Amino acid sequence: FKIDTLPPGDYKVYAWDDSSNVEYGNPEWMRQNGKGV
């Protein structure tokens, strides 16, 4: 994958098999379930 034209800064990158069950707008859910790089 490639994502360009990003503002400089620190990011976390996540990869999922399916986006429909990912609560990416819920910080608590992401802390519990996400393993970002």
Full PDB file with SEQRES, HELIX, SHEET, SSBOND, CRYST1, ORIGX, SCALE, CONECT and MASTER records, all heavy atoms in Angstrom:
SEQRES   1 A   37  PHE LYS ILE ASP THR LEU PRO PRO GLY ASP TYR LYS VAL          
SEQRES   2 A   37  TYR ALA TRP ASP ASP SER SER ASN VAL GLU TYR GLY ASN          
SEQRES   3 A   37  PRO GLU TRP MET ARG GLN ASN GLY LYS GLY VAL                  
HELIX    1 AA1 PRO A   27  ASN A   33  1                                   7    
CRYST1    1.000    1.000    1.000  90.00  90.00  90.00 P 1           1          
ORIGX1      1.000000  0.000000  0.000000        0.00000                         
ORIGX2      0.000000  1.000000  0.000000        0.00000                         
ORIGX3      0.000000  0.000000  1.000000        0.00000                         
SCALE1      1.000000  0.000000  0.000000        0.00000                         
SCALE2      0.000000  1.000000  0.000000        0.00000                         
SCALE3      0.000000  0.000000  1.000000        0.00000                         
ATOM      1  N   PHE A   1       0.842  -1.197   0.000  1.00  0.00           N  
ATOM      2  CA  PHE A   1       0.000   0.000   0.000  1.00  0.00           C  
ATOM      3  C   PHE A   1       0.878   1.248   0.000  1.00  0.00           C  
ATOM      4  O   PHE A   1       2.053   1.200   0.358  1.00  0.00           O  
ATOM      5  CB  PHE A   1      -0.950   0.024   1.202  1.00  0.00           C  
ATOM      6  CG  PHE A   1      -0.261   0.226   2.515  1.00  0.00           C  
ATOM      7  CD1 PHE A   1      -0.098   1.500   3.047  1.00  0.00           C  
ATOM      8  CD2 PHE A   1       0.249  -0.852   3.231  1.00  0.00           C  
ATOM      9  CE1 PHE A   1       0.548   1.692   4.265  1.00  0.00           C  
ATOM     10  CE2 PHE A   1       0.889  -0.680   4.439  1.00  0.00           C  
ATOM     11  CZ  PHE A   1       1.043   0.592   4.957  1.00  0.00           C  
ATOM     12  N   LYS A   2       0.278   2.361  -0.404  1.00  0.00           N  
ATOM     13  CA  LYS A   2       0.971   3.649  -0.417  1.00  0.00           C  
ATOM     14  C   LYS A   2      -0.062   4.740  -0.182  1.00  0.00           C  
ATOM     15  O   LYS A   2      -1.096   4.774  -0.844  1.00  0.00           O  
ATOM     16  CB  LYS A   2       1.669   3.863  -1.762  1.00  0.00           C  
ATOM     17  CG  LYS A   2       2.439   5.148  -1.847  1.00  0.00           C  
ATOM     18  CD  LYS A   2       3.158   5.228  -3.181  1.00  0.00           C  
ATOM     19  CE  LYS A   2       3.951   6.506  -3.302  1.00  0.00           C  
ATOM     20  NZ  LYS A   2       4.643   6.576  -4.604  1.00  0.00           N  
ATOM     21  N   ILE A   3       0.225   5.596   0.801  1.00  0.00           N  
ATOM     22  CA  ILE A   3      -0.652   6.730   1.102  1.00  0.00           C  
ATOM     23  C   ILE A   3       0.223   7.977   1.091  1.00  0.00           C  
ATOM     24  O   ILE A   3       1.152   8.099   1.877  1.00  0.00           O  
ATOM     25  CB  ILE A   3      -1.332   6.562   2.480  1.00  0.00           C  
ATOM     26  CG1 ILE A   3      -2.119   5.248   2.524  1.00  0.00           C  
ATOM     27  CG2 ILE A   3      -2.230   7.749   2.773  1.00  0.00           C  
ATOM     28  CD1 ILE A   3      -2.682   4.895   3.878  1.00  0.00           C  
ATOM     29  N   ASP A   4      -0.083   8.886   0.169  1.00  0.00           N  
ATOM     30  CA  ASP A   4       0.776  10.065   0.037  1.00  0.00           C  
ATOM     31  C   ASP A   4       0.039  11.347   0.394  1.00  0.00           C  
ATOM     32  O   ASP A   4      -1.108  11.316   0.813  1.00  0.00           O  
ATOM     33  CB  ASP A   4       1.395  10.136  -1.354  1.00  0.00           C  
ATOM     34  CG  ASP A   4       0.364  10.113  -2.462  1.00  0.00           C  
ATOM     35  OD1 ASP A   4      -0.841  10.262  -2.184  1.00  0.00           O  
ATOM     36  OD2 ASP A   4       0.763   9.952  -3.623  1.00  0.00           O  
ATOM     37  N   THR A   5       0.730  12.451   0.255  1.00  0.00           N  
ATOM     38  CA  THR A   5       0.264  13.802   0.601  1.00  0.00           C  
ATOM     39  C   THR A   5      -0.224  13.888   2.051  1.00  0.00           C  
ATOM     40  O   THR A   5      -1.246  14.479   2.335  1.00  0.00           O  
ATOM     41  CB  THR A   5      -0.810  14.333  -0.378  1.00  0.00           C  
ATOM     42  OG1 THR A   5      -1.975  13.515  -0.300  1.00  0.00           O  
ATOM     43  CG2 THR A   5      -0.290  14.385  -1.808  1.00  0.00           C  
ATOM     44  N   LEU A   6       0.546  13.286   2.949  1.00  0.00           N  
ATOM     45  CA  LEU A   6       0.216  13.318   4.380  1.00  0.00           C  
ATOM     46  C   LEU A   6       0.921  14.479   5.069  1.00  0.00           C  
ATOM     47  O   LEU A   6       2.108  14.719   4.812  1.00  0.00           O  
ATOM     48  CB  LEU A   6       0.663  12.019   5.054  1.00  0.00           C  
ATOM     49  CG  LEU A   6      -0.079  10.755   4.653  1.00  0.00           C  
ATOM     50  CD1 LEU A   6       0.673   9.531   5.151  1.00  0.00           C  
ATOM     51  CD2 LEU A   6      -1.483  10.792   5.209  1.00  0.00           C  
ATOM     52  N   PRO A   7       0.242  15.163   5.960  1.00  0.00           N  
ATOM     53  CA  PRO A   7       0.926  16.188   6.751  1.00  0.00           C  
ATOM     54  C   PRO A   7       2.016  15.524   7.601  1.00  0.00           C  
ATOM     55  O   PRO A   7       1.815  14.429   8.127  1.00  0.00           O  
ATOM     56  CB  PRO A   7      -0.177  16.757   7.649  1.00  0.00           C  
ATOM     57  CG  PRO A   7      -1.458  16.397   6.976  1.00  0.00           C  
ATOM     58  CD  PRO A   7      -1.192  15.109   6.257  1.00  0.00           C  
ATOM     59  N   PRO A   8       3.161  16.156   7.732  1.00  0.00           N  
ATOM     60  CA  PRO A   8       4.213  15.591   8.584  1.00  0.00           C  
ATOM     61  C   PRO A   8       3.701  15.379  10.004  1.00  0.00           C  
ATOM     62  O   PRO A   8       2.856  16.123  10.492  1.00  0.00           O  
ATOM     63  CB  PRO A   8       5.305  16.663   8.556  1.00  0.00           C  
ATOM     64  CG  PRO A   8       5.071  17.397   7.267  1.00  0.00           C  
ATOM     65  CD  PRO A   8       3.584  17.401   7.090  1.00  0.00           C  
ATOM     66  N   GLY A   9       4.207  14.322  10.641  1.00  0.00           N  
ATOM     67  CA  GLY A   9       3.806  14.035  12.015  1.00  0.00           C  
ATOM     68  C   GLY A   9       3.903  12.560  12.327  1.00  0.00           C  
ATOM     69  O   GLY A   9       4.394  11.761  11.531  1.00  0.00           O  
ATOM     70  N   ASP A  10       3.417  12.207  13.511  1.00  0.00           N  
ATOM     71  CA  ASP A  10       3.452  10.828  13.984  1.00  0.00           C  
ATOM     72  C   ASP A  10       2.090  10.179  13.778  1.00  0.00           C  
ATOM     73  O   ASP A  10       1.056  10.759  14.118  1.00  0.00           O  
ATOM     74  CB  ASP A  10       3.835  10.783  15.461  1.00  0.00           C  
ATOM     75  CG  ASP A  10       5.246  11.305  15.701  1.00  0.00           C  
ATOM     76  OD1 ASP A  10       6.113  11.077  14.831  1.00  0.00           O  
ATOM     77  OD2 ASP A  10       5.474  11.938  16.740  1.00  0.00           O  
ATOM     78  N   TYR A  11       2.117   8.977  13.244  1.00  0.00           N  
ATOM     79  CA  TYR A  11       0.904   8.234  12.916  1.00  0.00           C  
ATOM     80  C   TYR A  11       0.978   6.832  13.501  1.00  0.00           C  
ATOM     81  O   TYR A  11       2.051   6.341  13.831  1.00  0.00           O  
ATOM     82  CB  TYR A  11       0.748   8.097  11.394  1.00  0.00           C  
ATOM     83  CG  TYR A  11       0.486   9.388  10.680  1.00  0.00           C  
ATOM     84  CD1 TYR A  11       1.531  10.239  10.330  1.00  0.00           C  
ATOM     85  CD2 TYR A  11      -0.806   9.762  10.333  1.00  0.00           C  
ATOM     86  CE1 TYR A  11       1.294  11.429   9.662  1.00  0.00           C  
ATOM     87  CE2 TYR A  11      -1.051  10.952   9.660  1.00  0.00           C  
ATOM     88  CZ  TYR A  11       0.005  11.776   9.330  1.00  0.00           C  
ATOM     89  OH  TYR A  11      -0.243  12.954   8.674  1.00  0.00           O  
ATOM     90  N   LYS A  12      -0.184   6.182  13.574  1.00  0.00           N  
ATOM     91  CA  LYS A  12      -0.263   4.747  13.831  1.00  0.00           C  
ATOM     92  C   LYS A  12      -0.917   4.131  12.610  1.00  0.00           C  
ATOM     93  O   LYS A  12      -1.902   4.659  12.086  1.00  0.00           O  
ATOM     94  CB  LYS A  12      -1.079   4.433  15.078  1.00  0.00           C  
ATOM     95  CG  LYS A  12      -0.277   4.590  16.342  1.00  0.00           C  
ATOM     96  CD  LYS A  12      -0.762   3.632  17.379  1.00  0.00           C  
ATOM     97  CE  LYS A  12       0.232   3.640  18.527  1.00  0.00           C  
ATOM     98  NZ  LYS A  12      -0.161   2.789  19.591  1.00  0.00           N  
ATOM     99  N   VAL A  13      -0.369   2.998  12.174  1.00  0.00           N  
ATOM    100  CA  VAL A  13      -0.866   2.303  10.996  1.00  0.00           C  
ATOM    101  C   VAL A  13      -1.473   0.979  11.446  1.00  0.00           C  
ATOM    102  O   VAL A  13      -0.835   0.214  12.166  1.00  0.00           O  
ATOM    103  CB  VAL A  13       0.266   2.041   9.985  1.00  0.00           C  
ATOM    104  CG1 VAL A  13      -0.278   1.379   8.733  1.00  0.00           C  
ATOM    105  CG2 VAL A  13       1.011   3.329   9.646  1.00  0.00           C  
ATOM    106  N   TYR A  14      -2.701   0.718  11.024  1.00  0.00           N  
ATOM    107  CA  TYR A  14      -3.419  -0.506  11.343  1.00  0.00           C  
ATOM    108  C   TYR A  14      -3.782  -1.217  10.033  1.00  0.00           C  
ATOM    109  O   TYR A  14      -4.041  -0.558   9.024  1.00  0.00           O  
ATOM    110  CB  TYR A  14      -4.725  -0.212  12.089  1.00  0.00           C  
ATOM    111  CG  TYR A  14      -4.546   0.520  13.388  1.00  0.00           C  
ATOM    112  CD1 TYR A  14      -4.486   1.905  13.433  1.00  0.00           C  
ATOM    113  CD2 TYR A  14      -4.448  -0.175  14.584  1.00  0.00           C  
ATOM    114  CE1 TYR A  14      -4.327   2.581  14.636  1.00  0.00           C  
ATOM    115  CE2 TYR A  14      -4.294   0.484  15.789  1.00  0.00           C  
ATOM    116  CZ  TYR A  14      -4.228   1.865  15.800  1.00  0.00           C  
ATOM    117  OH  TYR A  14      -4.073   2.528  17.001  1.00  0.00           O  
ATOM    118  N   ALA A  15      -3.848  -2.535  10.065  1.00  0.00           N  
ATOM    119  CA  ALA A  15      -4.298  -3.309   8.908  1.00  0.00           C  
ATOM    120  C   ALA A  15      -5.323  -4.329   9.383  1.00  0.00           C  
ATOM    121  O   ALA A  15      -5.074  -5.065  10.340  1.00  0.00           O  
ATOM    122  CB  ALA A  15      -3.117  -4.007   8.244  1.00  0.00           C  
ATOM    123  N   TRP A  16      -6.468  -4.356   8.712  1.00  0.00           N  
ATOM    124  CA  TRP A  16      -7.577  -5.224   9.102  1.00  0.00           C  
ATOM    125  C   TRP A  16      -8.038  -6.047   7.909  1.00  0.00           C  
ATOM    126  O   TRP A  16      -7.950  -5.603   6.770  1.00  0.00           O  
ATOM    127  CB  TRP A  16      -8.756  -4.395   9.601  1.00  0.00           C  
ATOM    128  CG  TRP A  16      -8.442  -3.522  10.759  1.00  0.00           C  
ATOM    129  CD1 TRP A  16      -8.002  -2.235  10.720  1.00  0.00           C  
ATOM    130  CD2 TRP A  16      -8.520  -3.860  12.145  1.00  0.00           C  
ATOM    131  NE1 TRP A  16      -7.827  -1.756  11.994  1.00  0.00           N  
ATOM    132  CE2 TRP A  16      -8.125  -2.728  12.884  1.00  0.00           C  
ATOM    133  CE3 TRP A  16      -8.894  -5.013  12.827  1.00  0.00           C  
ATOM    134  CZ2 TRP A  16      -8.092  -2.712  14.266  1.00  0.00           C  
ATOM    135  CZ3 TRP A  16      -8.865  -5.003  14.209  1.00  0.00           C  
ATOM    136  CH2 TRP A  16      -8.475  -3.862  14.921  1.00  0.00           C  
ATOM    137  N   ASP A  17      -8.616  -7.207   8.187  1.00  0.00           N  
ATOM    138  CA  ASP A  17      -9.168  -8.042   7.127  1.00  0.00           C  
ATOM    139  C   ASP A  17     -10.456  -7.451   6.571  1.00  0.00           C  
ATOM    140  O   ASP A  17     -10.771  -7.610   5.405  1.00  0.00           O  
ATOM    141  CB  ASP A  17      -9.409  -9.470   7.629  1.00  0.00           C  
ATOM    142  CG  ASP A  17     -10.435  -9.537   8.757  1.00  0.00           C  
ATOM    143  OD1 ASP A  17     -10.609  -8.542   9.484  1.00  0.00           O  
ATOM    144  OD2 ASP A  17     -11.050 -10.610   8.915  1.00  0.00           O  
ATOM    145  N   ASP A  18     -11.214  -6.731   7.414  1.00  0.00           N  
ATOM    146  CA  ASP A  18     -12.519  -6.203   7.038  1.00  0.00           C  
ATOM    147  C   ASP A  18     -12.766  -4.934   7.851  1.00  0.00           C  
ATOM    148  O   ASP A  18     -12.613  -4.946   9.069  1.00  0.00           O  
ATOM    149  CB  ASP A  18     -13.581  -7.266   7.336  1.00  0.00           C  
ATOM    150  CG  ASP A  18     -14.998  -6.827   7.006  1.00  0.00           C  
ATOM    151  OD1 ASP A  18     -15.182  -5.760   6.398  1.00  0.00           O  
ATOM    152  OD2 ASP A  18     -15.929  -7.566   7.366  1.00  0.00           O  
ATOM    153  N   SER A  19     -13.175  -3.882   7.192  1.00  0.00           N  
ATOM    154  CA  SER A  19     -13.374  -2.614   7.901  1.00  0.00           C  
ATOM    155  C   SER A  19     -14.740  -2.483   8.553  1.00  0.00           C  
ATOM    156  O   SER A  19     -14.935  -1.620   9.411  1.00  0.00           O  
ATOM    157  CB  SER A  19     -13.171  -1.444   6.937  1.00  0.00           C  
ATOM    158  OG  SER A  19     -14.160  -1.478   5.916  1.00  0.00           O  
ATOM    159  N   SER A  20     -15.694  -3.335   8.203  1.00  0.00           N  
ATOM    160  CA  SER A  20     -17.068  -3.139   8.666  1.00  0.00           C  
ATOM    161  C   SER A  20     -17.243  -3.311  10.173  1.00  0.00           C  
ATOM    162  O   SER A  20     -18.170  -2.747  10.750  1.00  0.00           O  
ATOM    163  CB  SER A  20     -18.027  -4.072   7.917  1.00  0.00           C  
ATOM    164  OG  SER A  20     -17.703  -5.418   8.146  1.00  0.00           O  
ATOM    165  N   ASN A  21     -16.386  -4.071  10.846  1.00  0.00           N  
ATOM    166  CA  ASN A  21     -16.517  -4.258  12.295  1.00  0.00           C  
ATOM    167  C   ASN A  21     -15.473  -3.492  13.091  1.00  0.00           C  
ATOM    168  O   ASN A  21     -15.320  -3.724  14.286  1.00  0.00           O  
ATOM    169  CB  ASN A  21     -16.435  -5.748  12.648  1.00  0.00           C  
ATOM    170  CG  ASN A  21     -17.646  -6.517  12.182  1.00  0.00           C  
ATOM    171  OD1 ASN A  21     -18.710  -5.948  11.982  1.00  0.00           O  
ATOM    172  ND2 ASN A  21     -17.485  -7.801  11.982  1.00  0.00           N  
ATOM    173  N   VAL A  22     -14.746  -2.594  12.442  1.00  0.00           N  
ATOM    174  CA  VAL A  22     -13.707  -1.821  13.125  1.00  0.00           C  
ATOM    175  C   VAL A  22     -14.302  -0.495  13.598  1.00  0.00           C  
ATOM    176  O   VAL A  22     -14.778   0.296  12.789  1.00  0.00           O  
ATOM    177  CB  VAL A  22     -12.496  -1.563  12.193  1.00  0.00           C  
ATOM    178  CG1 VAL A  22     -11.472  -0.685  12.883  1.00  0.00           C  
ATOM    179  CG2 VAL A  22     -11.880  -2.893  11.770  1.00  0.00           C  
ATOM    180  N   GLU A  23     -14.264  -0.265  14.892  1.00  0.00           N  
ATOM    181  CA  GLU A  23     -14.778   0.988  15.469  1.00  0.00           C  
ATOM    182  C   GLU A  23     -13.652   2.013  15.536  1.00  0.00           C  
ATOM    183  O   GLU A  23     -13.230   2.439  16.607  1.00  0.00           O  
ATOM    184  CB  GLU A  23     -15.364   0.717  16.849  1.00  0.00           C  
ATOM    185  CG  GLU A  23     -16.584  -0.173  16.826  1.00  0.00           C  
ATOM    186  CD  GLU A  23     -17.196  -0.365  18.203  1.00  0.00           C  
ATOM    187  OE1 GLU A  23     -17.137   0.568  19.033  1.00  0.00           O  
ATOM    188  OE2 GLU A  23     -17.745  -1.456  18.439  1.00  0.00           O  
ATOM    189  N   TYR A  24     -13.160   2.421  14.371  1.00  0.00           N  
ATOM    190  CA  TYR A  24     -11.999   3.311  14.299  1.00  0.00           C  
ATOM    191  C   TYR A  24     -12.266   4.690  14.898  1.00  0.00           C  
ATOM    192  O   TYR A  24     -11.328   5.391  15.258  1.00  0.00           O  
ATOM    193  CB  TYR A  24     -11.501   3.428  12.856  1.00  0.00           C  
ATOM    194  CG  TYR A  24     -12.549   3.856  11.868  1.00  0.00           C  
ATOM    195  CD1 TYR A  24     -12.812   5.198  11.648  1.00  0.00           C  
ATOM    196  CD2 TYR A  24     -13.280   2.921  11.159  1.00  0.00           C  
ATOM    197  CE1 TYR A  24     -13.774   5.597  10.749  1.00  0.00           C  
ATOM    198  CE2 TYR A  24     -14.239   3.304  10.246  1.00  0.00           C  
ATOM    199  CZ  TYR A  24     -14.479   4.646  10.045  1.00  0.00           C  
ATOM    200  OH  TYR A  24     -15.441   5.043   9.154  1.00  0.00           O  
ATOM    201  N   GLY A  25     -13.518   5.076  15.065  1.00  0.00           N  
ATOM    202  CA  GLY A  25     -13.854   6.349  15.688  1.00  0.00           C  
ATOM    203  C   GLY A  25     -13.975   6.270  17.199  1.00  0.00           C  
ATOM    204  O   GLY A  25     -14.231   7.272  17.859  1.00  0.00           O  
ATOM    205  N   ASN A  26     -13.777   5.076  17.760  1.00  0.00           N  
ATOM    206  CA  ASN A  26     -13.913   4.853  19.192  1.00  0.00           C  
ATOM    207  C   ASN A  26     -12.524   4.599  19.786  1.00  0.00           C  
ATOM    208  O   ASN A  26     -11.997   3.495  19.677  1.00  0.00           O  
ATOM    209  CB  ASN A  26     -14.838   3.651  19.426  1.00  0.00           C  
ATOM    210  CG  ASN A  26     -15.043   3.321  20.883  1.00  0.00           C  
ATOM    211  OD1 ASN A  26     -14.280   3.724  21.761  1.00  0.00           O  
ATOM    212  ND2 ASN A  26     -16.093   2.539  21.154  1.00  0.00           N  
ATOM    213  N   PRO A  27     -11.915   5.610  20.437  1.00  0.00           N  
ATOM    214  CA  PRO A  27     -10.550   5.453  20.957  1.00  0.00           C  
ATOM    215  C   PRO A  27     -10.385   4.283  21.919  1.00  0.00           C  
ATOM    216  O   PRO A  27      -9.371   3.587  21.881  1.00  0.00           O  
ATOM    217  CB  PRO A  27     -10.271   6.787  21.661  1.00  0.00           C  
ATOM    218  CG  PRO A  27     -11.231   7.751  21.078  1.00  0.00           C  
ATOM    219  CD  PRO A  27     -12.437   6.955  20.682  1.00  0.00           C  
ATOM    220  N   GLU A  28     -11.382   4.026  22.771  1.00  0.00           N  
ATOM    221  CA  GLU A  28     -11.281   2.918  23.719  1.00  0.00           C  
ATOM    222  C   GLU A  28     -11.273   1.574  22.991  1.00  0.00           C  
ATOM    223  O   GLU A  28     -10.492   0.678  23.305  1.00  0.00           O  
ATOM    224  CB  GLU A  28     -12.422   2.977  24.741  1.00  0.00           C  
ATOM    225  CG  GLU A  28     -12.325   1.924  25.817  1.00  0.00           C  
ATOM    226  CD  GLU A  28     -11.042   2.006  26.641  1.00  0.00           C  
ATOM    227  OE1 GLU A  28     -10.503   3.105  26.833  1.00  0.00           O  
ATOM    228  OE2 GLU A  28     -10.562   0.941  27.081  1.00  0.00           O  
ATOM    229  N   TRP A  29     -12.132   1.425  21.995  1.00  0.00           N  
ATOM    230  CA  TRP A  29     -12.175   0.200  21.206  1.00  0.00           C  
ATOM    231  C   TRP A  29     -10.837  -0.021  20.498  1.00  0.00           C  
ATOM    232  O   TRP A  29     -10.318  -1.133  20.486  1.00  0.00           O  
ATOM    233  CB  TRP A  29     -13.311   0.266  20.187  1.00  0.00           C  
ATOM    234  CG  TRP A  29     -13.565  -1.028  19.484  1.00  0.00           C  
ATOM    235  CD1 TRP A  29     -14.476  -1.971  19.827  1.00  0.00           C  
ATOM    236  CD2 TRP A  29     -12.890  -1.543  18.334  1.00  0.00           C  
ATOM    237  NE1 TRP A  29     -14.416  -3.039  18.961  1.00  0.00           N  
ATOM    238  CE2 TRP A  29     -13.452  -2.803  18.033  1.00  0.00           C  
ATOM    239  CE3 TRP A  29     -11.870  -1.069  17.524  1.00  0.00           C  
ATOM    240  CZ2 TRP A  29     -13.020  -3.582  16.960  1.00  0.00           C  
ATOM    241  CZ3 TRP A  29     -11.426  -1.842  16.460  1.00  0.00           C  
ATOM    242  CH2 TRP A  29     -12.007  -3.086  16.192  1.00  0.00           C  
ATOM    243  N   MET A  30     -10.290   1.042  19.935  1.00  0.00           N  
ATOM    244  CA  MET A  30      -9.008   0.925  19.234  1.00  0.00           C  
ATOM    245  C   MET A  30      -7.891   0.544  20.199  1.00  0.00           C  
ATOM    246  O   MET A  30      -7.021  -0.261  19.857  1.00  0.00           O  
ATOM    247  CB  MET A  30      -8.670   2.219  18.493  1.00  0.00           C  
ATOM    248  CG  MET A  30      -9.555   2.493  17.292  1.00  0.00           C  
ATOM    249  SD  MET A  30      -9.431   1.257  15.981  1.00  0.00           S  
ATOM    250  CE  MET A  30      -7.798   1.602  15.339  1.00  0.00           C  
ATOM    251  N   ARG A  31      -7.892   1.103  21.407  1.00  0.00           N  
ATOM    252  CA  ARG A  31      -6.863   0.739  22.397  1.00  0.00           C  
ATOM    253  C   ARG A  31      -6.957  -0.743  22.764  1.00  0.00           C  
ATOM    254  O   ARG A  31      -5.943  -1.411  22.933  1.00  0.00           O  
ATOM    255  CB  ARG A  31      -6.997   1.592  23.659  1.00  0.00           C  
ATOM    256  CG  ARG A  31      -6.237   2.893  23.604  1.00  0.00           C  
ATOM    257  CD  ARG A  31      -6.162   3.559  24.963  1.00  0.00           C  
ATOM    258  NE  ARG A  31      -7.434   4.061  25.451  1.00  0.00           N  
ATOM    259  CZ  ARG A  31      -8.027   5.177  25.050  1.00  0.00           C  
ATOM    260  NH1 ARG A  31      -7.445   5.930  24.150  1.00  0.00           N  
ATOM    261  NH2 ARG A  31      -9.179   5.556  25.546  1.00  0.00           N  
ATOM    262  N   GLN A  32      -8.177  -1.243  22.897  1.00  0.00           N  
ATOM    263  CA  GLN A  32      -8.379  -2.636  23.298  1.00  0.00           C  
ATOM    264  C   GLN A  32      -8.132  -3.615  22.159  1.00  0.00           C  
ATOM    265  O   GLN A  32      -7.663  -4.723  22.391  1.00  0.00           O  
ATOM    266  CB  GLN A  32      -9.793  -2.834  23.833  1.00  0.00           C  
ATOM    267  CG  GLN A  32     -10.029  -2.186  25.165  1.00  0.00           C  
ATOM    268  CD  GLN A  32     -11.467  -2.378  25.648  1.00  0.00           C  
ATOM    269  OE1 GLN A  32     -12.284  -3.030  24.992  1.00  0.00           O  
ATOM    270  NE2 GLN A  32     -11.775  -1.785  26.781  1.00  0.00           N  
ATOM    271  N   ASN A  33      -8.465  -3.249  20.937  1.00  0.00           N  
ATOM    272  CA  ASN A  33      -8.451  -4.203  19.825  1.00  0.00           C  
ATOM    273  C   ASN A  33      -7.404  -3.940  18.752  1.00  0.00           C  
ATOM    274  O   ASN A  33      -7.073  -4.845  17.993  1.00  0.00           O  
ATOM    275  CB  ASN A  33      -9.828  -4.243  19.154  1.00  0.00           C  
ATOM    276  CG  ASN A  33     -10.898  -4.715  20.101  1.00  0.00           C  
ATOM    277  OD1 ASN A  33     -10.947  -5.884  20.440  1.00  0.00           O  
ATOM    278  ND2 ASN A  33     -11.737  -3.803  20.561  1.00  0.00           N  
ATOM    279  N   GLY A  34      -6.933  -2.716  18.661  1.00  0.00           N  
ATOM    280  CA  GLY A  34      -6.004  -2.380  17.590  1.00  0.00           C  
ATOM    281  C   GLY A  34      -4.549  -2.604  17.972  1.00  0.00           C  
ATOM    282  O   GLY A  34      -4.160  -2.351  19.097  1.00  0.00           O  
ATOM    283  N   LYS A  35      -3.799  -3.109  17.037  1.00  0.00           N  
ATOM    284  CA  LYS A  35      -2.358  -3.273  17.221  1.00  0.00           C  
ATOM    285  C   LYS A  35      -1.670  -2.447  16.143  1.00  0.00           C  
ATOM    286  O   LYS A  35      -1.255  -2.975  15.106  1.00  0.00           O  
ATOM    287  CB  LYS A  35      -1.970  -4.742  17.125  1.00  0.00           C  
ATOM    288  CG  LYS A  35      -2.552  -5.583  18.248  1.00  0.00           C  
ATOM    289  CD  LYS A  35      -2.133  -7.032  18.126  1.00  0.00           C  
ATOM    290  CE  LYS A  35      -2.733  -7.853  19.236  1.00  0.00           C  
ATOM    291  NZ  LYS A  35      -4.017  -8.433  18.883  1.00  0.00           N  
ATOM    292  N   GLY A  36      -1.572  -1.156  16.387  1.00  0.00           N  
ATOM    293  CA  GLY A  36      -1.003  -0.256  15.401  1.00  0.00           C  
ATOM    294  C   GLY A  36       0.508  -0.219  15.460  1.00  0.00           C  
ATOM    295  O   GLY A  36       1.120  -0.503  16.485  1.00  0.00           O  
ATOM    296  N   VAL A  37       1.094   0.139  14.327  1.00  0.00           N  
ATOM    297  CA  VAL A  37       2.537   0.307  14.209  1.00  0.00           C  
ATOM    298  C   VAL A  37       2.813   1.807  14.098  1.00  0.00           C  
ATOM    299  O   VAL A  37       2.229   2.485  13.250  1.00  0.00           O  
ATOM    300  CB  VAL A  37       3.073  -0.433  12.969  1.00  0.00           C  
ATOM    301  CG1 VAL A  37       4.554  -0.166  12.778  1.00  0.00           C  
ATOM    302  CG2 VAL A  37       2.804  -1.923  13.087  1.00  0.00           C  
TER     303      VAL A  37                                                      
MASTER        0    0    0    1    0    0    0    6  302    1    0    3          
END                                                                             
